[in-house]
Amino acid sequence: MNLMGLFRSPQNELEKGGKQLKNPQEEQHEITMTCPKCGTQTPVSELWDDLNVCRCGYHFRMTARQRISFLADDDTFTELDADMTSHDILEFPNYENKLKSARLATREKEAVVCGTAKVMGEDCAVFCMDPHFMMGSMGTVVGEKITRLFEYATEHRLSVIGFTAAGGARMQEGILSLMQMAKTSGAVRLHSDAGLFYLTVLTDPTTGGVTASFAMDGDVIMAEPDAMVGFAGARVIEQTIRKKLPEGFQRAEFLLEHGFIDLITPRSRQREVIARLLRLHNEGKQDACVQQADAGETKEAEA
């Protein structure tokens, strides 16, 4: 046996322990995504560098964790109620299997991730819905997690940033799912009554019971470009009213033009805009605290 080969000097970067160099064949086999708007095939790594936005401006859907990683300052996100999971309360056929499949596919326990974070130094509570978990549908656990987040934000005087992405209420949980519309809206109202700020970011798609509740309850309602936002599907509406709907009826641009939302912000600018809105509110909150303190001191002096 010739042992000399075991002691030869490194011949390439891999043998030196460094980064493996890609050859042209490997680059050709990199996973790509096809843009449904322009048809361009883009490597996944390149898309991620651009926040999952195609060069033509099409915004691909993101997971909840991807949104949090792009929004929150490094090492500032703390998850709340991470262990809550849905159960087949009504013994709906095949629901348990669908839940298991969704958990395996997304590595999430539910269709929303909630927690606290900093955005460019500004404290906030945040929830991100995941369209990959049963289309982001709102069941009892999704509603409960969002309600608890608003209650936590109210107690700790935090603004809430919410990224919505949902196919609506979760039909497998029946009326229990529909009840979450009232419950979450009630929690939003208490948060608002406490003088706190709530920003919703509507992403594609935001529909059904989510649109009819907390998605449209924000003090400021932002949307991503070309996001589909609505309650019932366009075909259902047309069949009901027996009229042809306008072009782009349920797209963000149409909603902005007709006053249903406040602004459309591309993903590349969302972090900056969100931080600015948080900063404006936090400064206003501090001014209000100073005024209350001054008023208290004046009363004590008069007494």
C-alpha atoms as a PDB file:
ATOM      1  CA  MET A   1       0.000   0.000   0.000  1.00  0.00           C
ATOM      2  CA  ASN A   2       1.380   3.412  -1.013  1.00  0.00           C
ATOM      3  CA  LEU A   3       1.078   5.795   1.958  1.00  0.00           C
ATOM      4  CA  MET A   4       2.649   8.784   0.234  1.00  0.00           C
ATOM      5  CA  GLY A   5      -0.676   9.975  -1.132  1.00  0.00           C
ATOM      6  CA  LEU A   6      -1.997  10.424   2.402  1.00  0.00           C
ATOM      7  CA  PHE A   7       0.546  13.138   3.091  1.00  0.00           C
ATOM      8  CA  ARG A   8       0.453  15.116  -0.154  1.00  0.00           C
ATOM      9  CA  SER A   9      -0.177  18.847  -0.025  1.00  0.00           C
ATOM     10  CA  PRO A  10      -3.761  20.145  -0.516  1.00  0.00           C
ATOM     11  CA  GLN A  11      -4.665  20.448  -4.174  1.00  0.00           C
ATOM     12  CA  ASN A  12      -7.780  22.691  -3.944  1.00  0.00           C
ATOM     13  CA  GLU A  13      -9.857  24.892  -1.605  1.00  0.00           C
ATOM     14  CA  LEU A  14     -11.977  21.960  -0.379  1.00  0.00           C
ATOM     15  CA  GLU A  15      -8.913  19.966   0.710  1.00  0.00           C
ATOM     16  CA  LYS A  16      -7.629  23.058   2.509  1.00  0.00           C
ATOM     17  CA  GLY A  17     -10.831  23.100   4.547  1.00  0.00           C
ATOM     18  CA  GLY A  18     -12.107  26.218   2.816  1.00  0.00           C
ATOM     19  CA  LYS A  19     -15.288  26.885   0.897  1.00  0.00           C
ATOM     20  CA  GLN A  20     -16.072  24.470  -1.918  1.00  0.00           C
ATOM     21  CA  LEU A  21     -15.917  26.139  -5.295  1.00  0.00           C
ATOM     22  CA  LYS A  22     -18.940  25.672  -7.519  1.00  0.00           C
ATOM     23  CA  ASN A  23     -18.386  24.311 -10.974  1.00  0.00           C
ATOM     24  CA  PRO A  24     -20.604  25.318 -13.922  1.00  0.00           C
ATOM     25  CA  GLN A  25     -22.571  22.058 -13.782  1.00  0.00           C
ATOM     26  CA  GLU A  26     -23.505  22.604 -10.116  1.00  0.00           C
ATOM     27  CA  GLU A  27     -24.597  26.180 -10.819  1.00  0.00           C
ATOM     28  CA  GLN A  28     -26.825  24.941 -13.637  1.00  0.00           C
ATOM     29  CA  HIS A  29     -28.572  22.590 -11.198  1.00  0.00           C
ATOM     30  CA  GLU A  30     -29.295  25.225  -8.539  1.00  0.00           C
ATOM     31  CA  ILE A  31     -33.002  25.349  -7.621  1.00  0.00           C
ATOM     32  CA  THR A  32     -34.854  28.142  -9.386  1.00  0.00           C
ATOM     33  CA  MET A  33     -38.271  29.778  -9.031  1.00  0.00           C
ATOM     34  CA  THR A  34     -40.373  30.825 -12.011  1.00  0.00           C
ATOM     35  CA  CYS A  35     -42.011  34.214 -11.698  1.00  0.00           C
ATOM     36  CA  PRO A  36     -45.745  33.969 -12.524  1.00  0.00           C
ATOM     37  CA  LYS A  37     -45.723  37.586 -13.712  1.00  0.00           C
ATOM     38  CA  CYS A  38     -42.754  37.770 -16.126  1.00  0.00           C
ATOM     39  CA  GLY A  39     -41.846  34.073 -16.503  1.00  0.00           C
ATOM     40  CA  THR A  40     -38.201  34.599 -15.500  1.00  0.00           C
ATOM     41  CA  GLN A  41     -36.430  31.727 -13.742  1.00  0.00           C
ATOM     42  CA  THR A  42     -34.361  33.019 -10.825  1.00  0.00           C
ATOM     43  CA  PRO A  43     -32.095  31.009  -8.480  1.00  0.00           C
ATOM     44  CA  VAL A  44     -33.576  30.721  -5.000  1.00  0.00           C
ATOM     45  CA  SER A  45     -30.399  32.125  -3.427  1.00  0.00           C
ATOM     46  CA  GLU A  46     -30.628  35.224  -5.602  1.00  0.00           C
ATOM     47  CA  LEU A  47     -34.301  35.676  -4.759  1.00  0.00           C
ATOM     48  CA  TRP A  48     -33.550  35.460  -1.045  1.00  0.00           C
ATOM     49  CA  ASP A  49     -30.910  38.188  -1.402  1.00  0.00           C
ATOM     50  CA  ASP A  50     -33.691  40.366  -2.864  1.00  0.00           C
ATOM     51  CA  LEU A  51     -36.220  39.524  -0.105  1.00  0.00           C
ATOM     52  CA  ASN A  52     -38.071  37.079  -2.384  1.00  0.00           C
ATOM     53  CA  VAL A  53     -38.891  39.794  -4.926  1.00  0.00           C
ATOM     54  CA  CYS A  54     -38.401  39.206  -8.661  1.00  0.00           C
ATOM     55  CA  ARG A  55     -36.620  41.811 -10.790  1.00  0.00           C
ATOM     56  CA  CYS A  56     -39.975  42.641 -12.374  1.00  0.00           C
ATOM     57  CA  GLY A  57     -41.329  43.586  -8.933  1.00  0.00           C
ATOM     58  CA  TYR A  58     -43.421  40.460  -8.272  1.00  0.00           C
ATOM     59  CA  HIS A  59     -43.495  39.651  -4.536  1.00  0.00           C
ATOM     60  CA  PHE A  60     -43.239  35.916  -3.848  1.00  0.00           C
ATOM     61  CA  ARG A  61     -44.910  34.666  -0.682  1.00  0.00           C
ATOM     62  CA  MET A  62     -42.763  34.359   2.434  1.00  0.00           C
ATOM     63  CA  THR A  63     -42.925  32.126   5.473  1.00  0.00           C
ATOM     64  CA  ALA A  64     -43.549  33.659   8.888  1.00  0.00           C
ATOM     65  CA  ARG A  65     -39.920  33.091   9.942  1.00  0.00           C
ATOM     66  CA  GLN A  66     -38.591  34.688   6.760  1.00  0.00           C
ATOM     67  CA  ARG A  67     -40.610  37.825   7.432  1.00  0.00           C
ATOM     68  CA  ILE A  68     -39.444  38.020  11.016  1.00  0.00           C
ATOM     69  CA  SER A  69     -35.801  37.579  10.016  1.00  0.00           C
ATOM     70  CA  PHE A  70     -36.075  40.407   7.497  1.00  0.00           C
ATOM     71  CA  LEU A  71     -38.092  42.707   9.784  1.00  0.00           C
ATOM     72  CA  ALA A  72     -36.567  42.325  13.263  1.00  0.00           C
ATOM     73  CA  ASP A  73     -33.161  43.517  14.405  1.00  0.00           C
ATOM     74  CA  ASP A  74     -30.685  40.670  14.919  1.00  0.00           C
ATOM     75  CA  ASP A  75     -31.252  38.598  18.075  1.00  0.00           C
ATOM     76  CA  THR A  76     -34.191  40.711  19.275  1.00  0.00           C
ATOM     77  CA  PHE A  77     -37.153  38.459  18.459  1.00  0.00           C
ATOM     78  CA  THR A  78     -38.636  36.601  21.422  1.00  0.00           C
ATOM     79  CA  GLU A  79     -41.452  34.200  20.546  1.00  0.00           C
ATOM     80  CA  LEU A  80     -44.615  34.026  22.640  1.00  0.00           C
ATOM     81  CA  ASP A  81     -46.976  31.034  22.987  1.00  0.00           C
ATOM     82  CA  ALA A  82     -44.763  28.936  20.725  1.00  0.00           C
ATOM     83  CA  ASP A  83     -46.122  25.577  21.916  1.00  0.00           C
ATOM     84  CA  MET A  84     -49.817  26.147  21.195  1.00  0.00           C
ATOM     85  CA  THR A  85     -51.210  23.679  18.649  1.00  0.00           C
ATOM     86  CA  SER A  86     -54.604  22.981  17.097  1.00  0.00           C
ATOM     87  CA  HIS A  87     -56.608  19.824  17.775  1.00  0.00           C
ATOM     88  CA  ASP A  88     -59.439  18.141  15.922  1.00  0.00           C
ATOM     89  CA  ILE A  89     -62.123  19.449  18.276  1.00  0.00           C
ATOM     90  CA  LEU A  90     -65.047  18.650  15.968  1.00  0.00           C
ATOM     91  CA  GLU A  91     -63.618  15.333  14.690  1.00  0.00           C
ATOM     92  CA  PHE A  92     -63.701  16.742  11.175  1.00  0.00           C
ATOM     93  CA  PRO A  93     -62.800  14.094   8.553  1.00  0.00           C
ATOM     94  CA  ASN A  94     -59.053  14.043   7.716  1.00  0.00           C
ATOM     95  CA  TYR A  95     -58.353  17.253   9.666  1.00  0.00           C
ATOM     96  CA  GLU A  96     -55.775  15.633  11.941  1.00  0.00           C
ATOM     97  CA  ASN A  97     -53.826  14.366   8.919  1.00  0.00           C
ATOM     98  CA  LYS A  98     -53.881  17.824   7.321  1.00  0.00           C
ATOM     99  CA  LEU A  99     -52.514  19.354  10.518  1.00  0.00           C
ATOM    100  CA  LYS A 100     -49.693  16.806  10.619  1.00  0.00           C
ATOM    101  CA  SER A 101     -48.855  17.450   6.962  1.00  0.00           C
ATOM    102  CA  ALA A 102     -48.817  21.204   7.518  1.00  0.00           C
ATOM    103  CA  ARG A 103     -46.502  20.865  10.521  1.00  0.00           C
ATOM    104  CA  LEU A 104     -44.106  18.661   8.590  1.00  0.00           C
ATOM    105  CA  ALA A 105     -44.116  20.916   5.520  1.00  0.00           C
ATOM    106  CA  THR A 106     -43.598  24.194   7.381  1.00  0.00           C
ATOM    107  CA  ARG A 107     -41.871  23.027  10.589  1.00  0.00           C
ATOM    108  CA  GLU A 108     -44.344  25.269  12.402  1.00  0.00           C
ATOM    109  CA  LYS A 109     -46.951  24.283  14.977  1.00  0.00           C
ATOM    110  CA  GLU A 110     -49.517  26.761  13.697  1.00  0.00           C
ATOM    111  CA  ALA A 111     -50.289  29.284  10.959  1.00  0.00           C
ATOM    112  CA  VAL A 112     -49.083  32.316  12.932  1.00  0.00           C
ATOM    113  CA  VAL A 113     -45.886  33.191  14.783  1.00  0.00           C
ATOM    114  CA  CYS A 114     -46.131  35.822  17.549  1.00  0.00           C
ATOM    115  CA  GLY A 115     -43.579  37.592  19.687  1.00  0.00           C
ATOM    116  CA  THR A 116     -41.760  40.789  20.569  1.00  0.00           C
ATOM    117  CA  ALA A 117     -38.893  42.414  18.684  1.00  0.00           C
ATOM    118  CA  LYS A 118     -37.066  45.599  17.830  1.00  0.00           C
ATOM    119  CA  VAL A 119     -37.306  47.184  14.373  1.00  0.00           C
ATOM    120  CA  MET A 120     -34.350  49.516  13.809  1.00  0.00           C
ATOM    121  CA  GLY A 121     -34.196  49.976  17.566  1.00  0.00           C
ATOM    122  CA  GLU A 122     -37.953  50.490  18.117  1.00  0.00           C
ATOM    123  CA  ASP A 123     -39.743  48.055  20.472  1.00  0.00           C
ATOM    124  CA  CYS A 124     -42.930  46.355  19.266  1.00  0.00           C
ATOM    125  CA  ALA A 125     -45.015  43.203  19.346  1.00  0.00           C
ATOM    126  CA  VAL A 126     -45.311  41.376  16.040  1.00  0.00           C
ATOM    127  CA  PHE A 127     -47.311  38.562  14.476  1.00  0.00           C
ATOM    128  CA  CYS A 128     -46.712  36.993  11.079  1.00  0.00           C
ATOM    129  CA  MET A 129     -49.176  34.635   9.425  1.00  0.00           C
ATOM    130  CA  ASP A 130     -47.804  31.819   7.266  1.00  0.00           C
ATOM    131  CA  PRO A 131     -49.652  31.120   3.985  1.00  0.00           C
ATOM    132  CA  HIS A 132     -47.880  27.760   3.707  1.00  0.00           C
ATOM    133  CA  PHE A 133     -49.652  26.363   6.806  1.00  0.00           C
ATOM    134  CA  MET A 134     -53.128  25.398   5.565  1.00  0.00           C
ATOM    135  CA  MET A 135     -53.217  28.655   3.568  1.00  0.00           C
ATOM    136  CA  GLY A 136     -52.773  30.655   6.758  1.00  0.00           C
ATOM    137  CA  SER A 137     -56.340  29.843   7.769  1.00  0.00           C
ATOM    138  CA  MET A 138     -57.553  31.126  11.140  1.00  0.00           C
ATOM    139  CA  GLY A 139     -58.526  28.424  13.583  1.00  0.00           C
ATOM    140  CA  THR A 140     -59.006  28.642  17.346  1.00  0.00           C
ATOM    141  CA  VAL A 141     -55.280  28.600  18.085  1.00  0.00           C
ATOM    142  CA  VAL A 142     -54.438  31.295  15.528  1.00  0.00           C
ATOM    143  CA  GLY A 143     -57.144  33.518  17.007  1.00  0.00           C
ATOM    144  CA  GLU A 144     -56.023  32.782  20.562  1.00  0.00           C
ATOM    145  CA  LYS A 145     -52.359  33.510  19.833  1.00  0.00           C
ATOM    146  CA  ILE A 146     -53.157  36.843  18.180  1.00  0.00           C
ATOM    147  CA  THR A 147     -55.550  37.778  21.007  1.00  0.00           C
ATOM    148  CA  ARG A 148     -52.901  36.966  23.614  1.00  0.00           C
ATOM    149  CA  LEU A 149     -50.347  39.029  21.716  1.00  0.00           C
ATOM    150  CA  PHE A 150     -52.608  42.098  21.802  1.00  0.00           C
ATOM    151  CA  GLU A 151     -53.284  41.551  25.500  1.00  0.00           C
ATOM    152  CA  TYR A 152     -49.538  41.314  26.153  1.00  0.00           C
ATOM    153  CA  ALA A 153     -48.908  44.455  24.051  1.00  0.00           C
ATOM    154  CA  THR A 154     -51.618  46.347  25.939  1.00  0.00           C
ATOM    155  CA  GLU A 155     -50.172  45.345  29.312  1.00  0.00           C
ATOM    156  CA  HIS A 156     -46.602  46.257  28.298  1.00  0.00           C
ATOM    157  CA  ARG A 157     -47.533  49.388  26.298  1.00  0.00           C
ATOM    158  CA  LEU A 158     -46.239  48.073  22.966  1.00  0.00           C
ATOM    159  CA  SER A 159     -47.242  48.845  19.402  1.00  0.00           C
ATOM    160  CA  VAL A 160     -48.304  45.838  17.292  1.00  0.00           C
ATOM    161  CA  ILE A 161     -47.116  45.071  13.761  1.00  0.00           C
ATOM    162  CA  GLY A 162     -49.183  42.380  12.025  1.00  0.00           C
ATOM    163  CA  PHE A 163     -48.418  40.665   8.703  1.00  0.00           C
ATOM    164  CA  THR A 164     -51.579  39.006   7.425  1.00  0.00           C
ATOM    165  CA  ALA A 165     -51.683  36.169   4.898  1.00  0.00           C
ATOM    166  CA  ALA A 166     -54.758  33.987   5.071  1.00  0.00           C
ATOM    167  CA  GLY A 167     -57.376  32.094   3.187  1.00  0.00           C
ATOM    168  CA  GLY A 168     -59.881  33.069   5.875  1.00  0.00           C
ATOM    169  CA  ALA A 169     -61.494  31.087   8.691  1.00  0.00           C
ATOM    170  CA  ARG A 170     -60.557  27.405   9.042  1.00  0.00           C
ATOM    171  CA  MET A 171     -63.605  25.462   7.922  1.00  0.00           C
ATOM    172  CA  GLN A 172     -62.521  22.324   9.798  1.00  0.00           C
ATOM    173  CA  GLU A 173     -63.238  24.115  13.091  1.00  0.00           C
ATOM    174  CA  GLY A 174     -66.650  25.458  12.106  1.00  0.00           C
ATOM    175  CA  ILE A 175     -68.264  28.139  14.283  1.00  0.00           C
ATOM    176  CA  LEU A 176     -65.318  27.953  16.712  1.00  0.00           C
ATOM    177  CA  SER A 177     -63.154  29.408  13.962  1.00  0.00           C
ATOM    178  CA  LEU A 178     -65.660  32.148  13.115  1.00  0.00           C
ATOM    179  CA  MET A 179     -65.772  33.176  16.781  1.00  0.00           C
ATOM    180  CA  GLN A 180     -62.113  34.227  16.500  1.00  0.00           C
ATOM    181  CA  MET A 181     -63.172  37.189  14.364  1.00  0.00           C
ATOM    182  CA  ALA A 182     -65.003  38.783  17.297  1.00  0.00           C
ATOM    183  CA  LYS A 183     -62.392  37.755  19.860  1.00  0.00           C
ATOM    184  CA  THR A 184     -59.404  39.186  17.990  1.00  0.00           C
ATOM    185  CA  SER A 185     -61.291  42.385  17.104  1.00  0.00           C
ATOM    186  CA  GLY A 186     -62.180  42.846  20.777  1.00  0.00           C
ATOM    187  CA  ALA A 187     -58.517  42.542  21.762  1.00  0.00           C
ATOM    188  CA  VAL A 188     -57.567  45.072  19.073  1.00  0.00           C
ATOM    189  CA  ARG A 189     -60.187  47.494  20.429  1.00  0.00           C
ATOM    190  CA  LEU A 190     -58.835  47.275  23.999  1.00  0.00           C
ATOM    191  CA  HIS A 191     -55.328  47.873  22.643  1.00  0.00           C
ATOM    192  CA  SER A 192     -56.601  50.913  20.738  1.00  0.00           C
ATOM    193  CA  ASP A 193     -58.512  52.250  23.754  1.00  0.00           C
ATOM    194  CA  ALA A 194     -55.214  52.200  25.652  1.00  0.00           C
ATOM    195  CA  GLY A 195     -53.843  54.682  23.101  1.00  0.00           C
ATOM    196  CA  LEU A 196     -51.512  52.189  21.438  1.00  0.00           C
ATOM    197  CA  PHE A 197     -50.564  51.850  17.774  1.00  0.00           C
ATOM    198  CA  TYR A 198     -51.444  48.946  15.462  1.00  0.00           C
ATOM    199  CA  LEU A 199     -50.093  48.602  11.923  1.00  0.00           C
ATOM    200  CA  THR A 200     -51.320  45.885   9.574  1.00  0.00           C
ATOM    201  CA  VAL A 201     -49.364  44.789   6.519  1.00  0.00           C
ATOM    202  CA  LEU A 202     -51.635  42.992   4.051  1.00  0.00           C
ATOM    203  CA  THR A 203     -49.782  40.399   1.989  1.00  0.00           C
ATOM    204  CA  ASP A 204     -50.927  38.066  -0.766  1.00  0.00           C
ATOM    205  CA  PRO A 205     -53.476  36.675  -0.082  1.00  0.00           C
ATOM    206  CA  THR A 206     -55.491  38.212   2.769  1.00  0.00           C
ATOM    207  CA  THR A 207     -59.078  37.016   2.493  1.00  0.00           C
ATOM    208  CA  GLY A 208     -62.186  35.792   4.314  1.00  0.00           C
ATOM    209  CA  GLY A 209     -62.659  36.122   8.053  1.00  0.00           C
ATOM    210  CA  VAL A 210     -59.173  37.570   8.554  1.00  0.00           C
ATOM    211  CA  THR A 211     -60.001  40.488   6.240  1.00  0.00           C
ATOM    212  CA  ALA A 212     -63.349  40.892   8.009  1.00  0.00           C
ATOM    213  CA  SER A 213     -61.667  41.231  11.415  1.00  0.00           C
ATOM    214  CA  PHE A 214     -58.198  42.158  12.637  1.00  0.00           C
ATOM    215  CA  ALA A 215     -56.586  42.618   9.198  1.00  0.00           C
ATOM    216  CA  MET A 216     -58.603  45.780   8.545  1.00  0.00           C
ATOM    217  CA  ASP A 217     -58.623  47.063  12.151  1.00  0.00           C
ATOM    218  CA  GLY A 218     -55.210  48.729  11.979  1.00  0.00           C
ATOM    219  CA  ASP A 219     -54.612  52.403  12.709  1.00  0.00           C
ATOM    220  CA  VAL A 220     -52.531  52.364   9.535  1.00  0.00           C
ATOM    221  CA  ILE A 221     -53.160  49.718   6.865  1.00  0.00           C
ATOM    222  CA  MET A 222     -50.250  48.965   4.557  1.00  0.00           C
ATOM    223  CA  ALA A 223     -50.177  46.458   1.704  1.00  0.00           C
ATOM    224  CA  GLU A 224     -47.588  44.850  -0.523  1.00  0.00           C
ATOM    225  CA  PRO A 225     -47.769  45.586  -4.262  1.00  0.00           C
ATOM    226  CA  ASP A 226     -50.422  43.582  -6.131  1.00  0.00           C
ATOM    227  CA  ALA A 227     -51.526  41.735  -2.980  1.00  0.00           C
ATOM    228  CA  MET A 228     -54.950  40.121  -3.266  1.00  0.00           C
ATOM    229  CA  VAL A 229     -57.182  41.390  -0.472  1.00  0.00           C
ATOM    230  CA  GLY A 230     -60.894  40.689  -0.106  1.00  0.00           C
ATOM    231  CA  PHE A 231     -63.615  38.765   1.663  1.00  0.00           C
ATOM    232  CA  ALA A 232     -65.392  36.419  -0.749  1.00  0.00           C
ATOM    233  CA  GLY A 233     -63.898  35.246  -4.033  1.00  0.00           C
ATOM    234  CA  ALA A 234     -64.476  37.316  -7.155  1.00  0.00           C
ATOM    235  CA  ARG A 235     -66.506  34.577  -8.859  1.00  0.00           C
ATOM    236  CA  VAL A 236     -68.789  34.227  -5.830  1.00  0.00           C
ATOM    237  CA  ILE A 237     -69.408  37.972  -5.797  1.00  0.00           C
ATOM    238  CA  GLU A 238     -70.128  38.110  -9.532  1.00  0.00           C
ATOM    239  CA  GLN A 239     -72.578  35.207  -9.267  1.00  0.00           C
ATOM    240  CA  THR A 240     -74.297  36.911  -6.334  1.00  0.00           C
ATOM    241  CA  ILE A 241     -74.670  40.441  -7.747  1.00  0.00           C
ATOM    242  CA  ARG A 242     -74.823  39.239 -11.382  1.00  0.00           C
ATOM    243  CA  LYS A 243     -72.465  41.942 -12.556  1.00  0.00           C
ATOM    244  CA  LYS A 244     -68.951  41.969 -13.971  1.00  0.00           C
ATOM    245  CA  LEU A 245     -66.424  43.236 -11.436  1.00  0.00           C
ATOM    246  CA  PRO A 246     -63.863  45.951 -12.339  1.00  0.00           C
ATOM    247  CA  GLU A 247     -60.365  44.910 -13.418  1.00  0.00           C
ATOM    248  CA  GLY A 248     -58.096  44.294 -10.408  1.00  0.00           C
ATOM    249  CA  PHE A 249     -61.087  44.532  -8.041  1.00  0.00           C
ATOM    250  CA  GLN A 250     -59.310  42.761  -5.160  1.00  0.00           C
ATOM    251  CA  ARG A 251     -55.765  44.010  -5.673  1.00  0.00           C
ATOM    252  CA  ALA A 252     -53.925  46.409  -3.373  1.00  0.00           C
ATOM    253  CA  GLU A 253     -53.726  49.162  -6.000  1.00  0.00           C
ATOM    254  CA  PHE A 254     -57.514  49.162  -6.481  1.00  0.00           C
ATOM    255  CA  LEU A 255     -58.069  49.264  -2.711  1.00  0.00           C
ATOM    256  CA  LEU A 256     -55.668  52.197  -2.307  1.00  0.00           C
ATOM    257  CA  GLU A 257     -57.403  54.126  -5.075  1.00  0.00           C
ATOM    258  CA  HIS A 258     -60.782  53.599  -3.372  1.00  0.00           C
ATOM    259  CA  GLY A 259     -59.626  54.423   0.165  1.00  0.00           C
ATOM    260  CA  PHE A 260     -59.663  50.967   1.758  1.00  0.00           C
ATOM    261  CA  ILE A 261     -55.949  51.017   2.635  1.00  0.00           C
ATOM    262  CA  ASP A 262     -53.488  53.792   3.450  1.00  0.00           C
ATOM    263  CA  LEU A 263     -50.355  52.951   1.496  1.00  0.00           C
ATOM    264  CA  ILE A 264     -48.585  50.361  -0.637  1.00  0.00           C
ATOM    265  CA  THR A 265     -44.977  49.699   0.308  1.00  0.00           C
ATOM    266  CA  PRO A 266     -42.602  47.379  -1.570  1.00  0.00           C
ATOM    267  CA  ARG A 267     -40.839  44.856   0.606  1.00  0.00           C
ATOM    268  CA  SER A 268     -37.456  46.539   0.186  1.00  0.00           C
ATOM    269  CA  ARG A 269     -38.748  49.647   2.008  1.00  0.00           C
ATOM    270  CA  GLN A 270     -41.078  48.082   4.570  1.00  0.00           C
ATOM    271  CA  ARG A 271     -38.568  47.854   7.400  1.00  0.00           C
ATOM    272  CA  GLU A 272     -37.640  51.517   7.083  1.00  0.00           C
ATOM    273  CA  VAL A 273     -41.264  52.702   6.834  1.00  0.00           C
ATOM    274  CA  ILE A 274     -42.400  50.511   9.747  1.00  0.00           C
ATOM    275  CA  ALA A 275     -39.561  51.780  11.947  1.00  0.00           C
ATOM    276  CA  ARG A 276     -40.475  55.380  11.089  1.00  0.00           C
ATOM    277  CA  LEU A 277     -44.121  54.824  12.016  1.00  0.00           C
ATOM    278  CA  LEU A 278     -43.114  53.157  15.286  1.00  0.00           C
ATOM    279  CA  ARG A 279     -40.751  56.019  16.067  1.00  0.00           C
ATOM    280  CA  LEU A 280     -43.439  58.642  15.424  1.00  0.00           C
ATOM    281  CA  HIS A 281     -45.865  56.847  17.718  1.00  0.00           C
ATOM    282  CA  ASN A 282     -43.297  56.189  20.443  1.00  0.00           C
ATOM    283  CA  GLU A 283     -42.267  59.849  20.461  1.00  0.00           C
ATOM    284  CA  GLY A 284     -45.918  60.857  20.703  1.00  0.00           C
ATOM    285  CA  LYS A 285     -46.430  58.377  23.547  1.00  0.00           C
ATOM    286  CA  GLN A 286     -43.479  59.863  25.442  1.00  0.00           C
ATOM    287  CA  ASP A 287     -44.850  63.398  24.939  1.00  0.00           C
ATOM    288  CA  ALA A 288     -48.223  62.262  26.310  1.00  0.00           C
ATOM    289  CA  CYS A 289     -46.532  60.762  29.389  1.00  0.00           C
ATOM    290  CA  VAL A 290     -44.662  64.037  30.008  1.00  0.00           C
ATOM    291  CA  GLN A 291     -47.894  66.040  29.692  1.00  0.00           C
ATOM    292  CA  GLN A 292     -49.655  63.721  32.148  1.00  0.00           C
ATOM    293  CA  ALA A 293     -46.767  64.042  34.610  1.00  0.00           C
ATOM    294  CA  ASP A 294     -46.806  67.847  34.279  1.00  0.00           C
ATOM    295  CA  ALA A 295     -50.548  67.934  34.818  1.00  0.00           C
ATOM    296  CA  GLY A 296     -50.157  65.801  37.960  1.00  0.00           C
ATOM    297  CA  GLU A 297     -47.473  68.076  39.365  1.00  0.00           C
ATOM    298  CA  THR A 298     -49.641  71.151  38.684  1.00  0.00           C
ATOM    299  CA  LYS A 299     -52.585  69.633  40.551  1.00  0.00           C
ATOM    300  CA  GLU A 300     -50.373  68.755  43.507  1.00  0.00           C
ATOM    301  CA  ALA A 301     -48.984  72.311  43.604  1.00  0.00           C
ATOM    302  CA  GLU A 302     -52.497  73.810  43.510  1.00  0.00           C
ATOM    303  CA  ALA A 303     -53.589  71.530  46.340  1.00  0.00           C
END
